[in-house]
């Protein structure tokens, strides 16, 4: 489902975020990606989502070389990808319902079906009662759950999470981890970049560790 073939990502003037990284991930696996701050974890996830393109090598998702996709093809790729990043990119001028609705509106879902999916996603993360709340009125944990709802409303086969429990108190972190693990239990391929894997380690199928852009043996 996901394969990296000798992938490097360089930034000017001479920064190697990833250096000759190769691995593969089968469907429905839970993969933990560890490493120090700046090791390349976020870059790796962004390459899978074609938010960035490799400087060399190939990133394949479901057989597609995503680094070679034309911009018009990216929405079709991302329909099967959910993304939860540390900077949640919530729209603070729109309420919770409208934030989760956004990817369905972009994808052209019929309004009735889209509304049903949005409420189902909000219910799954425990925010259905807060659907009219603006993000500023939500706690940090609720904002993270809202970001997860938006990531899964398309019912993706792959979910990418970058430090999803960082900066949360222990109880809230456990709640967020449980929500992500629930999606894995129903067959979603889950890749989690984290410096602290204690909440997920018992469920991991694979582990990768990056060190200054290189995959550790």
N, C-alpha and C. Protein backbone atom coordinates (compact mmCIF):
# COMPACT_ATOMS: atom_id res chain seq x y z
N UNK A 1 0.82 -1.21 0.00
CA UNK A 1 0.00 0.00 0.00
C UNK A 1 0.86 1.26 0.00
N UNK A 2 1.91 1.29 0.85
CA UNK A 2 2.83 2.45 0.88
C UNK A 2 4.25 1.91 0.73
N UNK A 3 5.01 2.51 -0.18
CA UNK A 3 6.39 2.08 -0.36
C UNK A 3 7.28 3.28 -0.65
N UNK A 4 8.39 3.35 0.05
CA UNK A 4 9.44 4.34 -0.20
C UNK A 4 10.61 3.61 -0.85
N UNK A 5 11.06 4.14 -1.97
CA UNK A 5 12.19 3.55 -2.69
C UNK A 5 13.33 4.56 -2.78
N UNK A 6 14.30 4.43 -1.89
CA UNK A 6 15.50 5.29 -1.88
C UNK A 6 15.12 6.77 -1.93
N UNK A 7 14.26 7.15 -1.01
CA UNK A 7 13.71 8.51 -1.00
C UNK A 7 14.62 9.45 -0.21
N UNK A 8 14.93 10.58 -0.83
CA UNK A 8 15.63 11.67 -0.15
C UNK A 8 14.83 12.96 -0.33
N UNK A 9 14.91 13.81 0.68
CA UNK A 9 14.28 15.13 0.58
C UNK A 9 15.26 16.15 1.10
N UNK A 10 15.67 17.05 0.21
CA UNK A 10 16.66 18.06 0.56
C UNK A 10 16.04 19.45 0.48
N UNK A 11 16.49 20.32 1.39
CA UNK A 11 16.07 21.72 1.39
C UNK A 11 17.31 22.59 1.24
N UNK A 12 17.17 23.73 0.57
CA UNK A 12 18.31 24.64 0.46
C UNK A 12 18.69 25.19 1.84
N UNK A 13 19.96 25.51 2.08
CA UNK A 13 21.04 25.37 1.10
C UNK A 13 21.59 23.94 1.04
N UNK A 14 21.61 23.23 2.17
CA UNK A 14 22.19 21.89 2.14
C UNK A 14 21.66 21.08 3.32
N UNK A 15 20.32 20.99 3.43
CA UNK A 15 19.69 20.28 4.55
C UNK A 15 19.06 19.00 4.02
N UNK A 16 19.48 17.87 4.57
CA UNK A 16 18.92 16.58 4.18
C UNK A 16 17.87 16.16 5.21
N UNK A 17 16.60 16.45 4.93
CA UNK A 17 15.54 16.07 5.85
C UNK A 17 15.34 14.56 5.86
N UNK A 18 15.45 13.94 4.69
CA UNK A 18 15.43 12.48 4.56
C UNK A 18 16.55 12.07 3.62
N UNK A 19 17.18 10.93 3.92
CA UNK A 19 18.34 10.53 3.14
C UNK A 19 18.26 9.04 2.83
N UNK A 20 17.93 8.70 1.57
CA UNK A 20 17.94 7.32 1.07
C UNK A 20 17.09 6.40 1.95
N UNK A 21 15.82 6.76 2.12
CA UNK A 21 14.91 5.99 2.98
C UNK A 21 14.10 5.01 2.13
N UNK A 22 14.10 3.75 2.54
CA UNK A 22 13.33 2.71 1.86
C UNK A 22 12.59 1.87 2.89
N UNK A 23 11.30 1.63 2.64
CA UNK A 23 10.51 0.73 3.48
C UNK A 23 9.18 0.48 2.78
N UNK A 24 8.42 -0.47 3.28
CA UNK A 24 7.08 -0.71 2.76
C UNK A 24 6.13 -1.00 3.91
N UNK A 25 4.88 -0.65 3.71
CA UNK A 25 3.82 -0.84 4.70
C UNK A 25 2.65 -1.53 4.03
N UNK A 26 2.22 -2.65 4.56
CA UNK A 26 1.08 -3.38 4.01
C UNK A 26 -0.22 -2.76 4.52
N UNK A 27 -1.33 -3.04 3.84
CA UNK A 27 -2.62 -2.49 4.28
C UNK A 27 -2.98 -2.92 5.71
N UNK A 28 -3.70 -2.02 6.39
CA UNK A 28 -4.28 -2.28 7.71
C UNK A 28 -3.25 -2.41 8.83
N UNK A 29 -2.03 -1.94 8.61
CA UNK A 29 -1.00 -1.99 9.63
C UNK A 29 -1.00 -0.71 10.47
N UNK A 30 -0.47 -0.82 11.68
CA UNK A 30 -0.23 0.35 12.52
C UNK A 30 1.28 0.52 12.61
N UNK A 31 1.77 1.63 12.10
CA UNK A 31 3.21 1.87 12.01
C UNK A 31 3.58 3.06 12.88
N UNK A 32 4.57 2.87 13.74
CA UNK A 32 5.09 3.95 14.57
C UNK A 32 6.39 4.46 13.97
N UNK A 33 6.49 5.77 13.83
CA UNK A 33 7.69 6.40 13.28
C UNK A 33 8.30 7.27 14.38
N UNK A 34 9.44 6.85 14.87
CA UNK A 34 10.08 7.54 15.97
C UNK A 34 11.32 8.29 15.53
N UNK A 35 11.89 9.03 16.47
CA UNK A 35 13.10 9.79 16.18
C UNK A 35 13.07 11.13 16.89
N UNK A 36 14.24 11.74 16.99
CA UNK A 36 14.38 13.01 17.68
C UNK A 36 13.67 14.13 16.92
N UNK A 37 13.49 15.26 17.56
CA UNK A 37 12.93 16.43 16.88
C UNK A 37 13.83 16.81 15.72
N UNK A 38 13.25 16.98 14.53
CA UNK A 38 14.02 17.29 13.35
C UNK A 38 14.59 16.08 12.63
N UNK A 39 14.17 14.88 13.05
CA UNK A 39 14.71 13.65 12.44
C UNK A 39 14.16 13.41 11.04
N UNK A 40 13.01 14.02 10.72
CA UNK A 40 12.42 13.83 9.40
C UNK A 40 11.04 13.18 9.43
N UNK A 41 10.47 13.02 10.61
CA UNK A 41 9.18 12.33 10.75
C UNK A 41 8.06 13.06 10.01
N UNK A 42 7.95 14.36 10.23
CA UNK A 42 6.88 15.12 9.57
C UNK A 42 7.08 15.15 8.07
N UNK A 43 8.31 15.30 7.62
CA UNK A 43 8.60 15.29 6.19
C UNK A 43 8.15 13.98 5.56
N UNK A 44 8.40 12.88 6.24
CA UNK A 44 8.01 11.57 5.71
C UNK A 44 6.50 11.50 5.49
N UNK A 45 5.73 11.96 6.48
CA UNK A 45 4.27 11.93 6.34
C UNK A 45 3.80 12.86 5.22
N UNK A 46 4.41 14.01 5.11
CA UNK A 46 4.01 14.96 4.07
C UNK A 46 4.32 14.43 2.67
N UNK A 47 5.35 13.62 2.54
CA UNK A 47 5.65 13.00 1.25
C UNK A 47 4.58 12.00 0.86
N UNK A 48 4.06 11.25 1.83
CA UNK A 48 3.00 10.29 1.54
C UNK A 48 1.76 11.01 1.04
N UNK A 49 1.46 12.15 1.64
CA UNK A 49 0.28 12.92 1.26
C UNK A 49 0.52 13.83 0.06
N UNK A 50 1.72 13.77 -0.51
CA UNK A 50 2.10 14.63 -1.63
C UNK A 50 1.99 16.11 -1.28
N UNK A 51 2.14 16.43 0.01
CA UNK A 51 2.25 17.82 0.41
C UNK A 51 3.64 18.35 0.10
N UNK A 52 4.59 17.42 0.00
CA UNK A 52 5.93 17.72 -0.49
C UNK A 52 6.31 16.61 -1.47
N UNK A 53 7.33 16.87 -2.25
CA UNK A 53 7.77 15.88 -3.25
C UNK A 53 9.22 15.51 -2.97
N UNK A 54 9.57 14.26 -3.22
CA UNK A 54 10.95 13.85 -2.95
C UNK A 54 11.94 14.52 -3.89
N UNK A 55 13.14 14.76 -3.37
CA UNK A 55 14.21 15.27 -4.23
C UNK A 55 14.76 14.16 -5.11
N UNK A 56 14.70 12.92 -4.61
CA UNK A 56 15.09 11.75 -5.39
C UNK A 56 14.37 10.55 -4.82
N UNK A 57 14.29 9.48 -5.62
CA UNK A 57 13.57 8.29 -5.19
C UNK A 57 12.09 8.40 -5.49
N UNK A 58 11.33 7.39 -5.05
CA UNK A 58 9.90 7.32 -5.35
C UNK A 58 9.10 6.98 -4.11
N UNK A 59 7.95 7.66 -3.97
CA UNK A 59 6.98 7.37 -2.93
C UNK A 59 5.73 6.82 -3.62
N UNK A 60 5.39 5.58 -3.30
CA UNK A 60 4.24 4.94 -3.95
C UNK A 60 3.14 4.69 -2.92
N UNK A 61 1.93 5.09 -3.27
CA UNK A 61 0.74 4.86 -2.44
C UNK A 61 -0.28 4.16 -3.32
N UNK A 62 -0.64 2.95 -2.94
CA UNK A 62 -1.56 2.15 -3.74
C UNK A 62 -1.11 2.04 -5.20
N UNK A 63 0.20 1.89 -5.36
CA UNK A 63 0.77 1.70 -6.68
C UNK A 63 1.03 2.98 -7.47
N UNK A 64 0.59 4.12 -6.95
CA UNK A 64 0.81 5.39 -7.64
C UNK A 64 2.08 6.07 -7.13
N UNK A 65 2.86 6.58 -8.04
CA UNK A 65 4.03 7.39 -7.68
C UNK A 65 3.51 8.79 -7.36
N UNK A 66 3.29 9.07 -6.08
CA UNK A 66 2.59 10.30 -5.71
C UNK A 66 3.44 11.54 -5.95
N UNK A 67 4.75 11.37 -5.98
CA UNK A 67 5.61 12.51 -6.25
C UNK A 67 5.54 12.98 -7.68
N UNK A 68 4.98 12.16 -8.56
CA UNK A 68 4.87 12.51 -9.97
C UNK A 68 3.45 12.92 -10.37
N UNK A 69 2.54 12.95 -9.41
CA UNK A 69 1.15 13.29 -9.73
C UNK A 69 1.03 14.77 -10.11
N UNK A 70 0.17 15.04 -11.07
CA UNK A 70 -0.13 16.41 -11.42
C UNK A 70 -1.07 17.01 -10.37
N UNK A 71 -1.04 18.33 -10.20
CA UNK A 71 -1.90 18.95 -9.16
C UNK A 71 -3.37 18.56 -9.26
N UNK A 72 -3.88 18.38 -10.46
CA UNK A 72 -5.29 18.03 -10.62
C UNK A 72 -5.62 16.66 -10.06
N UNK A 73 -4.61 15.80 -9.92
CA UNK A 73 -4.84 14.44 -9.43
C UNK A 73 -4.74 14.34 -7.91
N UNK A 74 -4.24 15.37 -7.26
CA UNK A 74 -4.02 15.30 -5.82
C UNK A 74 -5.30 15.13 -5.01
N UNK A 75 -6.40 15.81 -5.35
CA UNK A 75 -7.63 15.58 -4.57
C UNK A 75 -8.09 14.12 -4.56
N UNK A 76 -7.86 13.41 -5.67
CA UNK A 76 -8.26 12.00 -5.73
C UNK A 76 -7.39 11.15 -4.82
N UNK A 77 -6.08 11.46 -4.77
CA UNK A 77 -5.19 10.78 -3.84
C UNK A 77 -5.64 11.01 -2.40
N UNK A 78 -5.93 12.25 -2.07
CA UNK A 78 -6.20 12.61 -0.68
C UNK A 78 -7.57 12.19 -0.19
N UNK A 79 -8.44 11.76 -1.10
CA UNK A 79 -9.72 11.21 -0.66
C UNK A 79 -9.51 9.93 0.15
N UNK A 80 -8.40 9.25 -0.12
CA UNK A 80 -8.11 8.01 0.61
C UNK A 80 -7.13 8.24 1.75
N UNK A 81 -6.79 9.50 2.01
CA UNK A 81 -5.83 9.83 3.06
C UNK A 81 -6.46 10.77 4.08
N UNK A 82 -6.31 10.44 5.35
CA UNK A 82 -6.66 11.38 6.41
C UNK A 82 -5.39 11.88 7.06
N UNK A 83 -5.34 13.17 7.39
CA UNK A 83 -4.12 13.76 7.93
C UNK A 83 -4.42 14.55 9.21
N UNK A 84 -3.70 14.22 10.27
CA UNK A 84 -3.81 14.95 11.53
C UNK A 84 -2.42 15.43 11.89
N UNK A 85 -2.20 16.74 11.77
CA UNK A 85 -0.89 17.31 12.07
C UNK A 85 -0.94 18.15 13.33
N UNK A 86 0.25 18.42 13.89
CA UNK A 86 0.32 19.18 15.13
C UNK A 86 -0.35 20.55 14.99
N UNK A 87 -0.04 21.25 13.91
CA UNK A 87 -0.74 22.51 13.65
C UNK A 87 -2.02 22.13 12.91
N UNK A 88 -3.09 22.02 13.65
CA UNK A 88 -4.31 21.34 13.17
C UNK A 88 -4.96 21.99 11.96
N UNK A 89 -4.59 23.24 11.69
CA UNK A 89 -5.13 23.95 10.54
C UNK A 89 -6.66 24.03 10.56
N UNK A 90 -7.21 24.14 11.77
CA UNK A 90 -8.64 24.36 11.89
C UNK A 90 -8.97 25.77 11.43
N UNK A 91 -10.17 25.95 10.91
CA UNK A 91 -10.63 27.27 10.48
C UNK A 91 -11.38 27.90 11.65
N UNK A 92 -10.78 28.92 12.23
CA UNK A 92 -11.34 29.46 13.47
C UNK A 92 -12.53 30.38 13.25
N UNK A 93 -12.84 30.66 11.99
CA UNK A 93 -14.03 31.46 11.70
C UNK A 93 -15.22 30.57 11.32
N UNK A 94 -15.04 29.25 11.44
CA UNK A 94 -16.11 28.30 11.13
C UNK A 94 -16.31 27.37 12.32
N UNK A 95 -17.55 26.95 12.53
CA UNK A 95 -17.81 26.10 13.68
C UNK A 95 -17.34 24.67 13.41
N UNK A 96 -17.52 23.81 14.42
CA UNK A 96 -17.01 22.44 14.33
C UNK A 96 -17.62 21.70 13.14
N UNK A 97 -18.93 21.83 12.96
CA UNK A 97 -19.60 21.16 11.85
C UNK A 97 -19.01 21.62 10.51
N UNK A 98 -18.82 22.93 10.36
CA UNK A 98 -18.33 23.48 9.10
C UNK A 98 -16.88 23.06 8.84
N UNK A 99 -16.07 22.94 9.90
CA UNK A 99 -14.70 22.48 9.73
C UNK A 99 -14.65 21.06 9.18
N UNK A 100 -15.50 20.19 9.71
CA UNK A 100 -15.50 18.80 9.26
C UNK A 100 -16.15 18.68 7.88
N UNK A 101 -17.08 19.55 7.58
CA UNK A 101 -17.74 19.54 6.28
C UNK A 101 -16.80 19.91 5.14
N UNK A 102 -15.76 20.69 5.42
CA UNK A 102 -14.93 21.27 4.36
C UNK A 102 -14.41 20.24 3.35
N UNK A 103 -13.76 19.14 3.78
CA UNK A 103 -13.26 18.21 2.76
C UNK A 103 -14.35 17.57 1.91
N UNK A 104 -15.54 17.40 2.48
CA UNK A 104 -16.64 16.82 1.71
C UNK A 104 -17.17 17.83 0.70
N UNK A 105 -17.19 19.11 1.08
CA UNK A 105 -17.61 20.15 0.13
C UNK A 105 -16.64 20.23 -1.04
N UNK A 106 -15.35 20.15 -0.74
CA UNK A 106 -14.34 20.20 -1.80
C UNK A 106 -14.49 19.00 -2.73
N UNK A 107 -14.82 17.83 -2.13
CA UNK A 107 -14.95 16.61 -2.93
C UNK A 107 -16.28 16.53 -3.68
N UNK A 108 -17.21 17.46 -3.41
CA UNK A 108 -18.46 17.51 -4.15
C UNK A 108 -19.53 16.55 -3.68
N UNK A 109 -19.49 16.18 -2.39
CA UNK A 109 -20.52 15.29 -1.86
C UNK A 109 -21.88 15.99 -1.85
N UNK A 110 -22.96 15.25 -2.12
CA UNK A 110 -24.30 15.84 -2.00
C UNK A 110 -24.52 16.32 -0.57
N UNK A 111 -25.16 17.48 -0.37
CA UNK A 111 -25.30 18.07 0.96
C UNK A 111 -25.91 17.13 2.02
N UNK A 112 -26.93 16.38 1.66
CA UNK A 112 -27.59 15.51 2.64
C UNK A 112 -26.66 14.40 3.11
N UNK A 113 -25.97 13.76 2.17
CA UNK A 113 -25.02 12.71 2.50
C UNK A 113 -23.84 13.29 3.28
N UNK A 114 -23.37 14.47 2.88
CA UNK A 114 -22.25 15.12 3.57
C UNK A 114 -22.62 15.42 5.02
N UNK A 115 -23.80 15.97 5.25
CA UNK A 115 -24.23 16.29 6.62
C UNK A 115 -24.30 15.04 7.48
N UNK A 116 -24.78 13.95 6.90
CA UNK A 116 -24.86 12.70 7.65
C UNK A 116 -23.47 12.22 8.04
N UNK A 117 -22.54 12.31 7.10
CA UNK A 117 -21.17 11.87 7.39
C UNK A 117 -20.50 12.76 8.44
N UNK A 118 -20.73 14.06 8.35
CA UNK A 118 -20.13 14.98 9.31
C UNK A 118 -20.61 14.65 10.72
N UNK A 119 -21.90 14.46 10.88
CA UNK A 119 -22.43 14.18 12.22
C UNK A 119 -21.95 12.82 12.73
N UNK A 120 -21.80 11.86 11.83
CA UNK A 120 -21.27 10.56 12.24
C UNK A 120 -19.83 10.69 12.72
N UNK A 121 -19.03 11.50 12.02
CA UNK A 121 -17.63 11.70 12.42
C UNK A 121 -17.53 12.44 13.74
N UNK A 122 -18.35 13.47 13.90
CA UNK A 122 -18.35 14.21 15.18
C UNK A 122 -18.80 13.32 16.33
N UNK A 123 -19.77 12.47 16.07
CA UNK A 123 -20.24 11.55 17.10
C UNK A 123 -19.13 10.58 17.50
N UNK A 124 -18.38 10.11 16.52
CA UNK A 124 -17.31 9.14 16.78
C UNK A 124 -16.25 9.72 17.71
N UNK A 125 -15.98 11.01 17.60
CA UNK A 125 -14.95 11.63 18.45
C UNK A 125 -15.55 12.35 19.66
N UNK A 126 -16.84 12.17 19.88
CA UNK A 126 -17.48 12.73 21.07
C UNK A 126 -17.76 14.21 21.02
N UNK A 127 -17.96 14.75 19.82
CA UNK A 127 -18.16 16.20 19.69
C UNK A 127 -19.49 16.55 19.03
N UNK A 128 -20.40 15.60 18.91
CA UNK A 128 -21.65 15.90 18.23
C UNK A 128 -22.42 17.02 18.92
N UNK A 129 -22.38 17.04 20.24
CA UNK A 129 -23.09 18.08 20.99
C UNK A 129 -22.44 19.45 20.85
N UNK A 130 -21.22 19.48 20.32
CA UNK A 130 -20.50 20.76 20.17
C UNK A 130 -20.41 21.18 18.71
N UNK A 131 -21.28 20.67 17.85
CA UNK A 131 -21.14 20.91 16.41
C UNK A 131 -21.22 22.39 16.04
N UNK A 132 -21.88 23.21 16.85
CA UNK A 132 -22.01 24.63 16.54
C UNK A 132 -20.95 25.49 17.20
N UNK A 133 -20.06 24.84 17.97
CA UNK A 133 -19.03 25.59 18.68
C UNK A 133 -17.89 25.98 17.75
N UNK A 134 -17.39 27.19 17.91
CA UNK A 134 -16.19 27.61 17.19
C UNK A 134 -14.97 26.95 17.83
N UNK A 135 -13.92 26.68 17.07
CA UNK A 135 -12.73 26.04 17.64
C UNK A 135 -12.16 26.77 18.84
N UNK A 136 -12.24 28.10 18.87
CA UNK A 136 -11.69 28.86 19.99
C UNK A 136 -12.38 28.52 21.30
N UNK A 137 -13.62 28.01 21.21
CA UNK A 137 -14.37 27.65 22.42
C UNK A 137 -14.09 26.22 22.86
N UNK A 138 -13.27 25.48 22.10
CA UNK A 138 -12.96 24.10 22.44
C UNK A 138 -11.62 24.02 23.16
N UNK A 139 -11.48 23.03 24.02
CA UNK A 139 -10.19 22.79 24.69
C UNK A 139 -9.19 22.24 23.68
N UNK A 140 -7.93 22.16 24.09
CA UNK A 140 -6.90 21.61 23.20
C UNK A 140 -7.22 20.19 22.77
N UNK A 141 -7.69 19.38 23.70
CA UNK A 141 -8.05 18.01 23.38
C UNK A 141 -9.23 17.94 22.44
N UNK A 142 -10.21 18.82 22.64
CA UNK A 142 -11.37 18.85 21.74
C UNK A 142 -10.96 19.32 20.34
N UNK A 143 -10.05 20.27 20.27
CA UNK A 143 -9.57 20.71 18.96
C UNK A 143 -8.87 19.56 18.23
N UNK A 144 -8.11 18.76 18.98
CA UNK A 144 -7.44 17.63 18.34
C UNK A 144 -8.46 16.58 17.88
N UNK A 145 -9.50 16.35 18.67
CA UNK A 145 -10.55 15.41 18.26
C UNK A 145 -11.30 15.95 17.04
N UNK A 146 -11.48 17.26 16.98
CA UNK A 146 -12.12 17.86 15.81
C UNK A 146 -11.26 17.65 14.57
N UNK A 147 -9.95 17.80 14.72
CA UNK A 147 -9.04 17.57 13.60
C UNK A 147 -9.12 16.11 13.14
N UNK A 148 -9.27 15.19 14.07
CA UNK A 148 -9.41 13.77 13.70
C UNK A 148 -10.72 13.55 12.96
N UNK A 149 -11.81 14.15 13.44
CA UNK A 149 -13.10 14.02 12.76
C UNK A 149 -13.00 14.49 11.31
N UNK A 150 -12.34 15.62 11.10
CA UNK A 150 -12.18 16.14 9.74
C UNK A 150 -11.32 15.19 8.91
N UNK A 151 -10.32 14.57 9.53
CA UNK A 151 -9.43 13.67 8.80
C UNK A 151 -10.11 12.39 8.36
N UNK A 152 -11.12 11.94 9.13
CA UNK A 152 -11.73 10.63 8.83
C UNK A 152 -13.09 10.75 8.16
N UNK A 153 -13.61 11.96 7.98
CA UNK A 153 -14.96 12.10 7.44
C UNK A 153 -15.08 11.54 6.03
N UNK A 154 -13.96 11.51 5.30
CA UNK A 154 -13.94 10.91 3.96
C UNK A 154 -13.86 9.39 4.00
N UNK A 155 -13.75 8.83 5.23
CA UNK A 155 -13.57 7.38 5.42
C UNK A 155 -12.34 6.87 4.67
N UNK A 156 -11.18 7.45 4.98
CA UNK A 156 -9.96 7.09 4.24
C UNK A 156 -9.45 5.71 4.63
N UNK A 157 -8.67 5.13 3.73
CA UNK A 157 -8.02 3.86 4.03
C UNK A 157 -6.71 4.03 4.76
N UNK A 158 -6.14 5.25 4.69
CA UNK A 158 -4.86 5.55 5.34
C UNK A 158 -5.03 6.79 6.20
N UNK A 159 -4.56 6.73 7.44
CA UNK A 159 -4.61 7.87 8.35
C UNK A 159 -3.20 8.18 8.81
N UNK A 160 -2.78 9.43 8.60
CA UNK A 160 -1.45 9.90 8.99
C UNK A 160 -1.58 10.83 10.17
N UNK A 161 -0.84 10.57 11.24
CA UNK A 161 -0.95 11.39 12.45
C UNK A 161 0.45 11.80 12.91
N UNK A 162 0.65 13.10 13.02
CA UNK A 162 1.95 13.66 13.42
C UNK A 162 1.85 14.17 14.85
N UNK A 163 2.49 13.45 15.78
CA UNK A 163 2.47 13.81 17.20
C UNK A 163 1.04 14.10 17.67
N UNK A 164 0.11 13.16 17.49
CA UNK A 164 -1.30 13.46 17.77
C UNK A 164 -1.63 13.69 19.23
N UNK A 165 -0.74 13.24 20.14
CA UNK A 165 -1.03 13.41 21.57
C UNK A 165 -0.07 14.40 22.24
N UNK A 166 0.75 15.07 21.45
CA UNK A 166 1.69 16.05 22.02
C UNK A 166 0.93 17.20 22.66
N UNK A 167 1.45 17.70 23.79
CA UNK A 167 0.92 18.87 24.49
C UNK A 167 -0.47 18.64 25.10
N UNK A 168 -0.89 17.38 25.19
CA UNK A 168 -2.17 17.07 25.84
C UNK A 168 -1.90 16.48 27.21
N UNK A 169 -2.82 16.72 28.16
CA UNK A 169 -2.66 16.09 29.46
C UNK A 169 -2.86 14.59 29.32
N UNK A 170 -2.40 13.78 30.30
CA UNK A 170 -2.42 12.32 30.14
C UNK A 170 -3.79 11.74 29.84
N UNK A 171 -4.83 12.21 30.50
CA UNK A 171 -6.17 11.65 30.26
C UNK A 171 -6.66 11.97 28.85
N UNK A 172 -6.44 13.21 28.42
CA UNK A 172 -6.87 13.61 27.08
C UNK A 172 -6.07 12.88 26.03
N UNK A 173 -4.76 12.71 26.25
CA UNK A 173 -3.92 11.97 25.32
C UNK A 173 -4.42 10.54 25.17
N UNK A 174 -4.83 9.94 26.27
CA UNK A 174 -5.35 8.57 26.22
C UNK A 174 -6.64 8.51 25.41
N UNK A 175 -7.50 9.52 25.57
CA UNK A 175 -8.74 9.57 24.80
C UNK A 175 -8.45 9.67 23.30
N UNK A 176 -7.54 10.55 22.94
CA UNK A 176 -7.19 10.74 21.53
C UNK A 176 -6.57 9.47 20.96
N UNK A 177 -5.69 8.83 21.72
CA UNK A 177 -5.07 7.59 21.26
C UNK A 177 -6.12 6.51 21.05
N UNK A 178 -7.09 6.43 21.95
CA UNK A 178 -8.15 5.42 21.83
C UNK A 178 -8.98 5.62 20.57
N UNK A 179 -9.26 6.89 20.23
CA UNK A 179 -10.01 7.18 19.01
C UNK A 179 -9.24 6.70 17.78
N UNK A 180 -7.94 7.00 17.74
CA UNK A 180 -7.13 6.58 16.60
C UNK A 180 -7.06 5.06 16.51
N UNK A 181 -6.90 4.40 17.64
CA UNK A 181 -6.81 2.94 17.64
C UNK A 181 -8.12 2.31 17.21
N UNK A 182 -9.24 2.96 17.51
CA UNK A 182 -10.53 2.44 17.06
C UNK A 182 -10.59 2.38 15.53
N UNK A 183 -10.05 3.40 14.87
CA UNK A 183 -10.05 3.40 13.42
C UNK A 183 -9.15 2.29 12.88
N UNK A 184 -8.00 2.09 13.53
CA UNK A 184 -7.12 1.00 13.12
C UNK A 184 -7.82 -0.35 13.25
N UNK A 185 -8.62 -0.51 14.29
CA UNK A 185 -9.30 -1.78 14.53
C UNK A 185 -10.27 -2.15 13.42
N UNK A 186 -10.77 -1.17 12.69
CA UNK A 186 -11.70 -1.47 11.59
C UNK A 186 -10.99 -1.48 10.23
N UNK A 187 -9.66 -1.57 10.26
CA UNK A 187 -8.92 -1.80 9.03
C UNK A 187 -8.20 -0.62 8.43
N UNK A 188 -8.26 0.54 9.06
CA UNK A 188 -7.55 1.72 8.53
C UNK A 188 -6.04 1.55 8.77
N UNK A 189 -5.25 1.80 7.75
CA UNK A 189 -3.80 1.81 7.90
C UNK A 189 -3.41 3.10 8.63
N UNK A 190 -2.68 2.96 9.71
CA UNK A 190 -2.40 4.10 10.59
C UNK A 190 -0.89 4.28 10.73
N UNK A 191 -0.40 5.45 10.33
CA UNK A 191 1.01 5.81 10.52
C UNK A 191 1.07 6.96 11.52
N UNK A 192 1.79 6.74 12.61
CA UNK A 192 1.87 7.73 13.68
C UNK A 192 3.33 8.12 13.89
N UNK A 193 3.63 9.39 13.70
CA UNK A 193 4.95 9.92 14.02
C UNK A 193 4.90 10.47 15.43
N UNK A 194 5.74 9.96 16.31
CA UNK A 194 5.68 10.39 17.70
C UNK A 194 7.02 10.15 18.39
N UNK A 195 7.36 11.03 19.30
CA UNK A 195 8.55 10.84 20.10
C UNK A 195 8.24 9.98 21.33
N UNK A 196 6.95 9.80 21.65
CA UNK A 196 6.53 9.02 22.81
C UNK A 196 5.48 8.01 22.34
N UNK A 197 5.90 6.76 22.18
CA UNK A 197 5.01 5.76 21.61
C UNK A 197 4.29 4.91 22.64
N UNK A 198 4.34 5.30 23.91
CA UNK A 198 3.81 4.43 24.96
C UNK A 198 2.33 4.15 24.80
N UNK A 199 1.56 5.07 24.24
CA UNK A 199 0.12 4.87 24.09
C UNK A 199 -0.22 3.94 22.94
N UNK A 200 0.74 3.72 22.04
CA UNK A 200 0.45 2.95 20.83
C UNK A 200 1.30 1.69 20.69
N UNK A 201 2.35 1.56 21.48
CA UNK A 201 3.36 0.52 21.23
C UNK A 201 2.77 -0.89 21.28
N UNK A 202 1.80 -1.14 22.13
CA UNK A 202 1.25 -2.49 22.26
C UNK A 202 0.49 -2.92 21.00
N UNK A 203 0.13 -1.96 20.16
CA UNK A 203 -0.68 -2.26 18.97
C UNK A 203 0.11 -2.17 17.67
N UNK A 204 1.38 -1.81 17.75
CA UNK A 204 2.16 -1.53 16.55
C UNK A 204 2.49 -2.80 15.77
N UNK A 205 2.33 -2.71 14.45
CA UNK A 205 2.74 -3.79 13.54
C UNK A 205 4.18 -3.61 13.10
N UNK A 206 4.59 -2.36 12.93
CA UNK A 206 5.94 -2.03 12.49
C UNK A 206 6.41 -0.78 13.22
N UNK A 207 7.74 -0.67 13.31
CA UNK A 207 8.35 0.52 13.90
C UNK A 207 9.52 0.96 13.02
N UNK A 208 9.58 2.25 12.77
CA UNK A 208 10.72 2.83 12.07
C UNK A 208 11.28 3.95 12.94
N UNK A 209 12.60 4.06 12.97
CA UNK A 209 13.23 5.14 13.71
C UNK A 209 14.14 5.93 12.78
N UNK A 210 13.92 7.24 12.76
CA UNK A 210 14.75 8.13 11.94
C UNK A 210 15.80 8.82 12.80
N UNK A 211 16.97 8.98 12.25
CA UNK A 211 18.05 9.68 12.93
C UNK A 211 18.72 10.60 11.92
N UNK A 212 18.46 11.90 12.06
CA UNK A 212 19.00 12.89 11.11
C UNK A 212 18.70 12.50 9.67
N UNK A 213 17.44 12.10 9.43
CA UNK A 213 16.99 11.81 8.07
C UNK A 213 17.26 10.41 7.57
N UNK A 214 17.97 9.63 8.33
CA UNK A 214 18.26 8.26 7.90
C UNK A 214 17.45 7.25 8.72
N UNK A 215 17.00 6.21 8.05
CA UNK A 215 16.26 5.15 8.72
C UNK A 215 17.25 4.26 9.44
N UNK A 216 17.04 4.08 10.74
CA UNK A 216 17.93 3.25 11.54
C UNK A 216 17.70 1.78 11.22
N UNK A 217 18.74 0.96 11.19
CA UNK A 217 18.55 -0.47 10.92
C UNK A 217 17.82 -1.16 12.07
